[in-house]
Amino acid sequence: MKSTLGLRLGQSLTMTPALQQAIRLLQLSSLDLQQEIEQALESNILLEREDGVEPVEAEVASAETAEAAETAMAASESGGDPKSLELDNSREIPDEMPVDANWSDVFDEPPSGPRNSDDDELHDFLEANLHGRVSLHEHLLEQARVADFAGDEIDIAEHLIDSINEDGYIENWAELSALLQRQFGVSLETVEAVLAKVQDFDPTGVGARDLGECLSLQLELMSSRTPGIGTAMRLIKQHMVLLARRDPAAMVRATGLPMAEIELALALIRTLQPHPGRPFQAHEPDYVTPDVFVAKKNGRWVVSLNPEHTPRLRLNQHYQGMIRRADSSRDQLVLKQHLQEARYFLNSLEARNETLLRVAQSIVEEQRAFLDYGPEAMRPMVLRDIAEQLGIHESTVSRATANKYMLTPRGLFELKFFFSSHVQTTGGGVCSATAIQAMIKRMISAEDAVRPLSDATLSELLLKEGIQVARRTVAKYREGLGIPPSHERKPPT
């Protein structure tokens, strides 16, 4: 095979470090962006916040502030008068002092200023809310230590507790019971007896081996006079498949009981906790802040970025002035590298803000009807529509709208909320899925409670408004809204 040399022309996209950084910053949420900015400020000496104070003035101000702080601190130690510093400095600590001597035996206690009532309230609030969350495992072990166990039962109970997952269920019961029998030389009946004691612990239903047992444990602690408890226990023990399917009609056929009694039992089952360990899991609060503000000014919808999410950064003039082009020393190379990285970061941050603002403006222009009239006026829109309007790629629009939120007079919405599929209307037009969901919600909220609207009826009502939607599509939109079917919305008789 003969090797030859030749030229070939072609086009390719090269992902430079600057481009990679711009793409990464664009898809970050506001919280992740703040962390990225803080990390850049800490790692790059050429970057600083633009707070309106010149670097030289800032250094002078900081020096004056530090000097004033030292003076004030010394004054407070001297009793509040700066002129008495020389007199107080002459007082030295004795070479030999008793072991139990107090500082007040040598120096006067500085007067403590009055505390503000607001500070007192804040302190009391923090003290009242400083508490640790006890895990489910620790909560069960505390009960096991004071329970009535004999011999090896306490060790068996601890092994059982270790096998309970975060939802409160025993995992791999067959393997676990066989392992405990071999390890402690006991019978299966002994292991199950210890398990029964663990299942009596708080929370109710903990230590169950399946969902049916979990619900049964909770029902067993209720009074036998509880309405519907007998039917509920029967459904849980014999008809769990029908419960999972949520089919009351099939339950009536399987049990021969009247629908009213089945509905009463189902209402009781809904009050049970299928995951008894969930309350002991740590739940971190999720805070959402808008990235974009939308307000109507002079009859036009105006879009602006949240200034808290877009802090103004700049290059540090002091360190930038220390860079010498002809100098190739190690310190100069570090400064030049920081300068290049700082410029890349500032350009990427500016490009992110510009792209986010352009995308948000286009979304508002397309969805003005939603802002004026509500969800039923939402227009169908996909990423390609915004991409073609701005002359950018769909992936750029997807990154710009990921984990970003817009605050409008109608509420706080994720940017992805404004994109939805469409359905053909009888007049040849299109209607967005969001608008159809709003119509379904409106119809159900105005329905007769005694005779709730079925999915087929909702489909017919939508057809009268010019929207042709199949019954199964209506059911999908209804479930997306978290609305139960008609037979579950009907009150028990």
Protein backbone atom coordinates (compact mmCIF):
# COMPACT_ATOMS: atom_id res chain seq x y z
CA MET A 1 0.00 0.00 0.00
CA LYS A 2 1.55 3.29 -1.14
CA SER A 3 1.42 6.32 1.16
CA THR A 4 0.95 9.75 -0.37
CA LEU A 5 0.61 13.33 0.80
CA GLY A 6 -2.41 15.48 -0.03
CA LEU A 7 -4.45 18.50 1.03
CA ARG A 8 -8.03 18.33 2.13
CA LEU A 9 -10.40 21.24 2.79
CA GLY A 10 -13.19 20.98 5.33
CA GLN A 11 -15.09 22.71 8.07
CA SER A 12 -15.26 21.62 11.68
CA LEU A 13 -16.31 23.10 14.97
CA THR A 14 -13.54 23.38 17.54
CA MET A 15 -14.62 23.60 21.15
CA THR A 16 -12.18 26.15 22.53
CA PRO A 17 -11.91 26.59 26.30
CA ALA A 18 -13.75 29.92 26.02
CA LEU A 19 -16.63 28.31 24.12
CA GLN A 20 -16.84 25.43 26.57
CA GLN A 21 -16.99 27.86 29.48
CA ALA A 22 -19.70 29.94 27.78
CA ILE A 23 -21.84 26.84 27.17
CA ARG A 24 -21.37 25.66 30.75
CA LEU A 25 -22.31 29.03 32.26
CA LEU A 26 -25.39 29.31 30.05
CA GLN A 27 -27.00 26.15 31.40
CA LEU A 28 -26.26 26.88 35.07
CA SER A 29 -29.07 27.79 37.42
CA SER A 30 -28.94 31.01 39.41
CA LEU A 31 -27.62 29.25 42.53
CA ASP A 32 -24.95 27.37 40.60
CA LEU A 33 -23.97 30.59 38.83
CA GLN A 34 -23.47 32.38 42.16
CA GLN A 35 -21.22 29.56 43.34
CA GLU A 36 -19.28 29.68 40.08
CA ILE A 37 -18.77 33.46 40.43
CA GLU A 38 -17.63 33.14 44.04
CA GLN A 39 -15.20 30.41 43.07
CA ALA A 40 -13.82 32.55 40.22
CA LEU A 41 -13.37 35.53 42.55
CA GLU A 42 -11.48 33.40 45.06
CA SER A 43 -9.22 31.67 42.54
CA ASN A 44 -8.44 34.59 40.19
CA ILE A 45 -6.74 37.70 41.59
CA LEU A 46 -7.53 39.66 38.41
CA LEU A 47 -11.28 39.52 39.10
CA GLU A 48 -13.13 41.77 41.54
CA ARG A 49 -16.63 43.07 42.12
CA GLU A 50 -17.53 46.40 40.62
CA ASP A 51 -18.92 48.18 43.67
CA GLY A 52 -18.38 51.74 42.51
CA VAL A 53 -15.23 52.34 44.60
CA GLU A 54 -11.88 52.73 42.89
CA PRO A 55 -9.18 50.31 44.02
CA VAL A 56 -6.91 53.04 45.42
CA GLU A 57 -9.80 54.65 47.29
CA ALA A 58 -10.87 51.24 48.53
CA GLU A 59 -7.40 50.54 49.90
CA VAL A 60 -7.31 53.91 51.68
CA ALA A 61 -10.81 53.40 53.00
CA SER A 62 -10.00 49.90 54.21
CA ALA A 63 -6.82 51.18 55.89
CA GLU A 64 -8.72 53.97 57.59
CA THR A 65 -11.43 51.54 58.63
CA ALA A 66 -8.88 49.13 60.08
CA GLU A 67 -7.14 51.93 61.98
CA ALA A 68 -10.47 53.18 63.32
CA ALA A 69 -11.42 49.67 64.32
CA GLU A 70 -8.17 49.18 66.22
CA THR A 71 -8.68 52.48 67.98
CA ALA A 72 -12.26 51.64 68.89
CA MET A 73 -11.24 48.20 70.16
CA ALA A 74 -8.49 49.67 72.29
CA ALA A 75 -10.88 52.32 73.55
CA SER A 76 -13.43 49.71 74.57
CA GLU A 77 -10.77 47.83 76.51
CA SER A 78 -9.78 51.02 78.26
CA GLY A 79 -13.31 51.78 79.33
CA GLY A 80 -14.53 53.75 76.33
CA ASP A 81 -12.14 56.75 76.29
CA PRO A 82 -9.38 56.69 73.63
CA LYS A 83 -7.32 59.25 75.64
CA SER A 84 -6.94 56.78 78.48
CA LEU A 85 -5.01 54.25 76.39
CA GLU A 86 -1.62 55.31 77.71
CA LEU A 87 -2.78 55.04 81.31
CA ASP A 88 -4.32 51.60 80.79
CA ASN A 89 -1.31 50.25 78.88
CA SER A 90 0.84 50.95 81.90
CA ARG A 91 -1.12 48.39 83.88
CA GLU A 92 0.63 45.06 83.39
CA ILE A 93 -0.48 41.60 84.36
CA PRO A 94 1.23 40.40 87.58
CA ASP A 95 3.81 37.64 87.17
CA GLU A 96 2.14 35.42 89.78
CA MET A 97 -1.61 35.11 90.03
CA PRO A 98 -3.83 32.62 91.88
CA VAL A 99 -5.06 29.74 89.79
CA ASP A 100 -8.69 30.64 90.37
CA ALA A 101 -8.15 34.36 89.67
CA ASN A 102 -10.59 36.14 87.40
CA TRP A 103 -9.81 38.66 84.72
CA SER A 104 -11.89 41.21 86.62
CA ASP A 105 -9.49 40.96 89.56
CA VAL A 106 -6.83 42.75 87.51
CA PHE A 107 -8.73 44.70 84.86
CA ASP A 108 -12.06 46.43 84.98
CA GLU A 109 -14.89 44.81 83.06
CA PRO A 110 -15.84 46.87 79.99
CA PRO A 111 -19.40 48.12 80.19
CA SER A 112 -21.74 46.07 78.04
CA GLY A 113 -24.05 48.15 75.90
CA PRO A 114 -27.78 47.63 75.92
CA ARG A 115 -29.01 44.94 73.54
CA ASN A 116 -31.53 45.84 70.93
CA SER A 117 -34.93 44.20 71.26
CA ASP A 118 -34.70 43.05 67.64
CA ASP A 119 -31.37 41.36 68.43
CA ASP A 120 -32.94 39.67 71.43
CA GLU A 121 -35.81 38.34 69.34
CA LEU A 122 -33.42 37.10 66.65
CA HIS A 123 -31.25 35.40 69.26
CA ASP A 124 -34.27 33.72 70.87
CA PHE A 125 -35.53 32.59 67.47
CA LEU A 126 -32.17 31.04 66.56
CA GLU A 127 -31.88 29.33 69.93
CA ALA A 128 -35.38 27.89 69.60
CA ASN A 129 -34.71 26.53 66.13
CA LEU A 130 -31.26 25.05 66.74
CA HIS A 131 -32.14 21.39 66.99
CA GLY A 132 -30.86 18.24 65.37
CA ARG A 133 -33.02 15.91 63.35
CA VAL A 134 -33.14 12.37 64.66
CA SER A 135 -32.92 9.74 61.94
CA LEU A 136 -35.31 6.80 61.73
CA HIS A 137 -32.51 4.40 62.67
CA GLU A 138 -31.64 6.34 65.84
CA HIS A 139 -35.32 6.71 66.73
CA LEU A 140 -35.86 2.95 66.55
CA LEU A 141 -32.67 2.12 68.45
CA GLU A 142 -33.73 4.38 71.32
CA GLN A 143 -37.00 2.45 71.59
CA ALA A 144 -35.21 -0.89 71.35
CA ARG A 145 -32.97 -0.04 74.34
CA VAL A 146 -35.98 0.40 76.62
CA ALA A 147 -38.11 -2.41 75.13
CA ASP A 148 -38.78 -5.73 76.83
CA PHE A 149 -36.17 -7.92 75.14
CA ALA A 150 -34.49 -10.95 76.71
CA GLY A 151 -31.19 -12.61 75.88
CA ASP A 152 -30.21 -12.34 72.24
CA GLU A 153 -33.46 -10.62 71.31
CA ILE A 154 -31.92 -7.16 71.63
CA ASP A 155 -29.14 -8.10 69.19
CA ILE A 156 -31.69 -9.58 66.78
CA ALA A 157 -33.77 -6.40 67.05
CA GLU A 158 -30.74 -4.24 66.25
CA HIS A 159 -30.03 -6.37 63.15
CA LEU A 160 -33.64 -5.97 62.08
CA ILE A 161 -33.51 -2.20 62.60
CA ASP A 162 -30.32 -1.99 60.53
CA SER A 163 -32.19 -3.65 57.67
CA ILE A 164 -35.05 -1.13 57.67
CA ASN A 165 -34.73 1.31 54.77
CA GLU A 166 -35.49 5.02 54.78
CA ASP A 167 -39.15 4.39 53.94
CA GLY A 168 -39.55 2.14 56.98
CA TYR A 169 -39.62 -1.30 55.29
CA ILE A 170 -37.63 -4.47 55.99
CA GLU A 171 -35.57 -5.41 52.96
CA ASN A 172 -34.74 -8.98 51.84
CA TRP A 173 -36.71 -10.69 54.60
CA ALA A 174 -36.05 -14.25 53.45
CA GLU A 175 -32.26 -13.82 53.43
CA LEU A 176 -32.27 -11.77 56.61
CA SER A 177 -34.35 -14.25 58.62
CA ALA A 178 -32.19 -17.18 57.50
CA LEU A 179 -29.02 -15.27 58.43
CA LEU A 180 -30.33 -14.45 61.91
CA GLN A 181 -31.36 -18.04 62.52
CA ARG A 182 -27.84 -19.29 61.69
CA GLN A 183 -26.04 -16.52 63.58
CA PHE A 184 -27.99 -16.72 66.83
CA GLY A 185 -29.12 -20.36 66.64
CA VAL A 186 -32.82 -19.53 66.99
CA SER A 187 -35.94 -20.58 65.16
CA LEU A 188 -37.91 -18.60 62.61
CA GLU A 189 -40.69 -18.15 65.16
CA THR A 190 -38.26 -16.36 67.50
CA VAL A 191 -37.11 -13.99 64.77
CA GLU A 192 -40.70 -13.22 63.80
CA ALA A 193 -41.59 -12.62 67.46
CA VAL A 194 -38.79 -10.04 67.72
CA LEU A 195 -39.96 -8.49 64.47
CA ALA A 196 -43.48 -8.21 65.88
CA LYS A 197 -42.10 -6.22 68.83
CA VAL A 198 -40.17 -3.93 66.47
CA GLN A 199 -43.32 -3.38 64.45
CA ASP A 200 -44.96 -2.03 67.61
CA PHE A 201 -42.44 0.82 67.66
CA ASP A 202 -43.17 4.34 66.53
CA PRO A 203 -43.88 5.26 63.73
CA THR A 204 -46.83 2.98 63.16
CA GLY A 205 -46.27 0.58 60.28
CA VAL A 206 -42.48 0.52 60.54
CA GLY A 207 -40.73 -2.80 59.98
CA ALA A 208 -43.31 -4.06 57.50
CA ARG A 209 -42.19 -6.45 54.81
CA ASP A 210 -44.59 -5.15 52.15
CA LEU A 211 -47.20 -2.47 51.61
CA GLY A 212 -50.11 -4.67 52.69
CA GLU A 213 -48.50 -5.47 56.02
CA CYS A 214 -47.64 -1.78 56.56
CA LEU A 215 -51.25 -0.71 56.07
CA SER A 216 -52.56 -3.60 58.17
CA LEU A 217 -50.31 -2.64 61.09
CA GLN A 218 -51.79 0.84 61.07
CA LEU A 219 -55.37 -0.42 60.90
CA GLU A 220 -54.80 -2.84 63.78
CA LEU A 221 -54.06 0.06 66.14
CA MET A 222 -57.34 1.77 65.30
CA SER A 223 -60.55 1.23 67.17
CA SER A 224 -62.73 -1.61 65.93
CA ARG A 225 -65.59 0.90 65.79
CA THR A 226 -63.85 3.00 63.15
CA PRO A 227 -66.22 3.27 60.15
CA GLY A 228 -65.08 1.08 57.27
CA ILE A 229 -62.20 -0.59 59.11
CA GLY A 230 -63.44 -4.14 58.52
CA THR A 231 -63.86 -3.63 54.79
CA ALA A 232 -60.54 -1.81 54.58
CA MET A 233 -58.73 -4.71 56.26
CA ARG A 234 -60.44 -7.16 53.90
CA LEU A 235 -59.42 -5.16 50.83
CA ILE A 236 -55.81 -4.90 52.02
CA LYS A 237 -55.47 -8.61 52.81
CA GLN A 238 -57.37 -10.02 49.80
CA HIS A 239 -57.56 -7.42 47.04
CA MET A 240 -54.31 -5.41 46.98
CA VAL A 241 -54.20 -5.69 43.18
CA LEU A 242 -57.57 -3.98 42.88
CA LEU A 243 -56.44 -1.30 45.34
CA ALA A 244 -53.40 -0.61 43.20
CA ARG A 245 -55.64 -0.31 40.14
CA ARG A 246 -58.02 2.03 41.99
CA ASP A 247 -61.03 0.24 40.60
CA PRO A 248 -63.96 0.46 43.05
CA ALA A 249 -66.34 -1.23 40.61
CA ALA A 250 -64.11 -4.31 40.49
CA MET A 251 -63.95 -4.29 44.29
CA VAL A 252 -67.74 -4.31 44.47
CA ARG A 253 -67.86 -7.31 42.13
CA ALA A 254 -65.10 -9.13 44.02
CA THR A 255 -66.48 -8.58 47.52
CA GLY A 256 -70.20 -8.33 46.88
CA LEU A 257 -70.37 -5.26 49.12
CA PRO A 258 -72.25 -2.06 48.23
CA MET A 259 -70.38 0.82 46.63
CA ALA A 260 -71.00 3.10 49.64
CA GLU A 261 -69.15 0.69 51.95
CA ILE A 262 -66.28 0.33 49.49
CA GLU A 263 -65.95 4.12 49.19
CA LEU A 264 -65.93 4.44 52.99
CA ALA A 265 -63.13 1.87 53.26
CA LEU A 266 -61.13 3.57 50.51
CA ALA A 267 -61.45 6.92 52.29
CA LEU A 268 -60.04 5.29 55.44
CA ILE A 269 -57.15 3.69 53.52
CA ARG A 270 -56.22 7.07 52.04
CA THR A 271 -55.56 8.37 55.55
CA LEU A 272 -52.83 5.76 56.12
CA GLN A 273 -49.11 6.38 55.61
CA PRO A 274 -47.63 4.04 52.97
CA HIS A 275 -44.10 5.28 53.81
CA PRO A 276 -43.83 5.51 57.62
CA GLY A 277 -40.15 6.47 57.49
CA ARG A 278 -40.60 9.52 55.27
CA PRO A 279 -41.18 12.03 58.13
CA PHE A 280 -37.71 11.18 59.50
CA GLN A 281 -35.94 11.91 56.23
CA ALA A 282 -34.13 15.23 55.93
CA HIS A 283 -36.05 17.63 53.74
CA GLU A 284 -33.96 20.56 52.57
CA PRO A 285 -36.03 23.59 51.55
CA ASP A 286 -35.85 24.48 47.88
CA TYR A 287 -35.74 28.22 47.32
CA VAL A 288 -36.55 29.52 43.86
CA THR A 289 -35.67 33.06 42.87
CA PRO A 290 -36.50 34.56 39.48
CA ASP A 291 -33.80 35.06 36.88
CA VAL A 292 -35.96 37.38 34.79
CA PHE A 293 -38.55 40.02 35.70
CA VAL A 294 -41.49 40.89 33.45
CA ALA A 295 -43.58 44.02 34.01
CA LYS A 296 -45.97 46.06 31.91
CA LYS A 297 -44.85 49.67 31.38
CA ASN A 298 -46.67 52.14 29.14
CA GLY A 299 -48.72 49.32 27.62
CA ARG A 300 -45.68 47.17 26.73
CA TRP A 301 -44.24 44.12 28.41
CA VAL A 302 -40.67 44.89 29.52
CA VAL A 303 -38.13 42.17 30.39
CA SER A 304 -35.17 42.69 32.71
CA LEU A 305 -32.61 40.46 34.37
CA ASN A 306 -32.45 39.99 38.11
CA PRO A 307 -29.53 42.19 39.23
CA GLU A 308 -28.83 39.93 42.20
CA HIS A 309 -28.02 37.08 39.83
CA THR A 310 -25.87 39.20 37.53
CA PRO A 311 -23.24 40.90 39.72
CA ARG A 312 -20.98 43.32 37.93
CA LEU A 313 -17.38 42.15 37.77
CA ARG A 314 -14.29 43.84 36.42
CA LEU A 315 -10.56 43.42 36.06
CA ASN A 316 -8.42 44.52 38.98
CA GLN A 317 -6.54 47.55 37.66
CA HIS A 318 -3.81 47.26 40.27
CA TYR A 319 -2.73 43.75 39.28
CA GLN A 320 -3.36 44.42 35.61
CA GLY A 321 -0.90 47.31 35.74
CA MET A 322 1.78 44.97 37.09
CA ILE A 323 1.77 42.85 33.91
CA ARG A 324 4.76 43.40 31.60
CA ARG A 325 4.64 42.01 28.09
CA ALA A 326 8.36 41.41 27.74
CA ASP A 327 8.76 39.86 31.16
CA SER A 328 8.59 36.05 31.15
CA SER A 329 9.25 35.43 34.81
CA ARG A 330 7.16 32.96 36.76
CA ASP A 331 5.11 35.62 38.50
CA GLN A 332 4.40 37.35 35.21
CA LEU A 333 3.27 34.09 33.61
CA VAL A 334 0.84 33.53 36.47
CA LEU A 335 -0.55 37.06 36.13
CA LYS A 336 -0.94 36.68 32.36
CA GLN A 337 -2.72 33.36 32.79
CA HIS A 338 -5.09 34.88 35.35
CA LEU A 339 -5.73 37.81 33.03
CA GLN A 340 -6.65 35.53 30.14
CA GLU A 341 -8.93 33.40 32.33
CA ALA A 342 -10.57 36.51 33.76
CA ARG A 343 -11.31 37.87 30.29
CA TYR A 344 -12.75 34.52 29.22
CA PHE A 345 -14.97 34.46 32.30
CA LEU A 346 -16.22 38.03 31.86
CA ASN A 347 -16.99 37.44 28.18
CA SER A 348 -18.80 34.18 28.95
CA LEU A 349 -20.82 35.84 31.72
CA GLU A 350 -21.79 38.71 29.43
CA ALA A 351 -22.76 36.30 26.65
CA ARG A 352 -24.89 34.30 29.10
CA ASN A 353 -26.79 37.36 30.28
CA GLU A 354 -27.32 38.59 26.73
CA THR A 355 -28.58 35.21 25.50
CA LEU A 356 -30.89 34.77 28.50
CA LEU A 357 -32.34 38.25 28.01
CA ARG A 358 -32.91 37.73 24.28
CA VAL A 359 -34.59 34.37 24.81
CA ALA A 360 -36.79 35.76 27.57
CA GLN A 361 -37.81 38.73 25.41
CA SER A 362 -38.78 36.42 22.56
CA ILE A 363 -40.82 34.22 24.89
CA VAL A 364 -42.69 37.26 26.23
CA GLU A 365 -43.38 38.51 22.71
CA GLU A 366 -44.81 35.13 21.72
CA GLN A 367 -46.85 34.71 24.92
CA ARG A 368 -48.29 38.21 25.34
CA ALA A 369 -51.80 36.75 25.24
CA PHE A 370 -50.98 34.55 28.24
CA LEU A 371 -49.74 37.55 30.21
CA ASP A 372 -52.84 39.56 29.27
CA TYR A 373 -55.61 36.97 29.53
CA GLY A 374 -54.33 33.91 31.40
CA PRO A 375 -53.41 30.25 30.77
CA GLU A 376 -56.29 29.61 28.36
CA ALA A 377 -54.68 32.08 25.94
CA MET A 378 -51.32 30.27 25.93
CA ARG A 379 -49.98 29.79 22.41
CA PRO A 380 -48.32 26.54 21.35
CA MET A 381 -44.57 27.01 21.08
CA VAL A 382 -41.49 24.82 20.76
CA LEU A 383 -37.78 25.50 21.07
CA ARG A 384 -37.40 25.68 17.31
CA ASP A 385 -39.69 28.72 17.12
CA ILE A 386 -37.45 30.78 19.41
CA ALA A 387 -34.29 29.44 17.78
CA GLU A 388 -35.43 30.47 14.30
CA GLN A 389 -36.55 33.87 15.52
CA LEU A 390 -33.18 34.62 17.16
CA GLY A 391 -31.01 32.82 14.62
CA ILE A 392 -29.45 30.47 17.16
CA HIS A 393 -29.44 26.70 17.65
CA GLU A 394 -32.19 24.87 19.52
CA SER A 395 -29.66 23.50 22.00
CA THR A 396 -28.75 27.08 22.94
CA VAL A 397 -32.40 27.85 23.66
CA SER A 398 -32.67 24.64 25.68
CA ARG A 399 -29.64 25.58 27.80
CA ALA A 400 -30.85 29.16 28.26
CA THR A 401 -34.24 28.00 29.55
CA ALA A 402 -32.99 25.15 31.76
CA ASN A 403 -33.54 25.81 35.49
CA LYS A 404 -34.39 29.48 34.83
CA TYR A 405 -37.48 31.19 36.24
CA MET A 406 -39.49 34.22 35.16
CA LEU A 407 -41.50 36.39 37.55
CA THR A 408 -44.64 37.76 35.90
CA PRO A 409 -47.76 39.49 37.26
CA ARG A 410 -49.46 36.07 36.95
CA GLY A 411 -46.88 34.29 39.09
CA LEU A 412 -43.46 32.67 39.00
CA PHE A 413 -42.96 30.23 36.11
CA GLU A 414 -40.09 28.18 34.80
CA LEU A 415 -39.12 29.20 31.28
CA LYS A 416 -39.86 25.65 30.12
CA PHE A 417 -43.49 26.25 31.14
CA PHE A 418 -44.05 28.48 28.11
CA PHE A 419 -43.18 25.67 25.70
CA SER A 420 -45.94 23.15 25.02
CA SER A 421 -47.25 20.89 22.28
CA HIS A 422 -50.32 21.75 20.24
CA VAL A 423 -53.64 20.19 19.26
CA GLN A 424 -55.52 20.87 16.06
CA THR A 425 -58.80 22.74 16.36
CA THR A 426 -61.92 22.21 14.27
CA GLY A 427 -61.35 25.59 12.61
CA GLY A 428 -57.96 24.57 11.25
CA GLY A 429 -55.92 26.33 13.94
CA VAL A 430 -53.90 25.02 16.85
CA CYS A 431 -54.28 25.16 20.62
CA SER A 432 -51.56 24.58 23.19
CA ALA A 433 -51.69 21.75 25.71
CA THR A 434 -51.35 24.27 28.55
CA ALA A 435 -54.48 26.09 27.36
CA ILE A 436 -56.40 22.80 27.19
CA GLN A 437 -55.33 21.92 30.74
CA ALA A 438 -56.56 25.32 31.91
CA MET A 439 -59.92 24.70 30.21
CA ILE A 440 -60.22 21.27 31.82
CA LYS A 441 -59.43 22.77 35.22
CA ARG A 442 -62.04 25.48 34.70
CA MET A 443 -64.71 22.97 33.68
CA ILE A 444 -64.03 20.65 36.62
CA SER A 445 -64.02 23.53 39.12
CA ALA A 446 -67.50 24.53 37.90
CA GLU A 447 -68.95 21.00 37.75
CA ASP A 448 -71.80 19.67 39.84
CA ALA A 449 -70.33 17.92 42.87
CA VAL A 450 -73.05 15.27 42.80
CA ARG A 451 -72.54 14.54 39.09
CA PRO A 452 -68.86 15.15 38.27
CA LEU A 453 -67.77 15.35 34.66
CA SER A 454 -66.23 12.23 33.16
CA ASP A 455 -63.33 12.31 30.70
CA ALA A 456 -65.70 11.56 27.83
CA THR A 457 -67.94 14.46 28.84
CA LEU A 458 -64.95 16.79 29.08
CA SER A 459 -63.91 15.73 25.59
CA GLU A 460 -67.39 16.60 24.28
CA LEU A 461 -67.36 20.01 26.01
CA LEU A 462 -63.96 20.79 24.51
CA LEU A 463 -65.28 19.82 21.08
CA LYS A 464 -68.06 22.38 21.48
CA GLU A 465 -65.37 25.02 22.05
CA GLY A 466 -63.67 23.98 18.81
CA ILE A 467 -60.96 21.71 20.25
CA GLN A 468 -60.96 18.07 19.19
CA VAL A 469 -59.30 15.99 21.90
CA ALA A 470 -59.64 12.26 22.48
CA ARG A 471 -60.86 10.95 25.82
CA ARG A 472 -57.51 9.35 26.67
CA THR A 473 -55.78 12.67 25.97
CA VAL A 474 -58.18 14.40 28.34
CA ALA A 475 -57.36 11.75 30.96
CA LYS A 476 -53.63 12.38 30.49
CA TYR A 477 -54.05 16.16 30.91
CA ARG A 478 -56.30 15.64 33.94
CA GLU A 479 -53.76 13.38 35.62
CA GLY A 480 -51.06 15.94 34.84
CA LEU A 481 -53.08 18.48 36.82
CA GLY A 482 -53.32 16.07 39.76
CA ILE A 483 -57.13 15.81 39.47
CA PRO A 484 -58.64 12.39 40.32
CA PRO A 485 -61.17 10.72 37.98
CA SER A 486 -64.88 11.45 38.21
CA HIS A 487 -65.79 8.47 40.39
CA GLU A 488 -63.23 9.57 42.99
CA ARG A 489 -64.43 13.19 42.92
CA LYS A 490 -68.00 12.10 43.67
CA PRO A 491 -68.78 12.50 47.40
CA PRO A 492 -69.79 9.34 49.31
CA THR A 493 -73.49 8.88 49.83
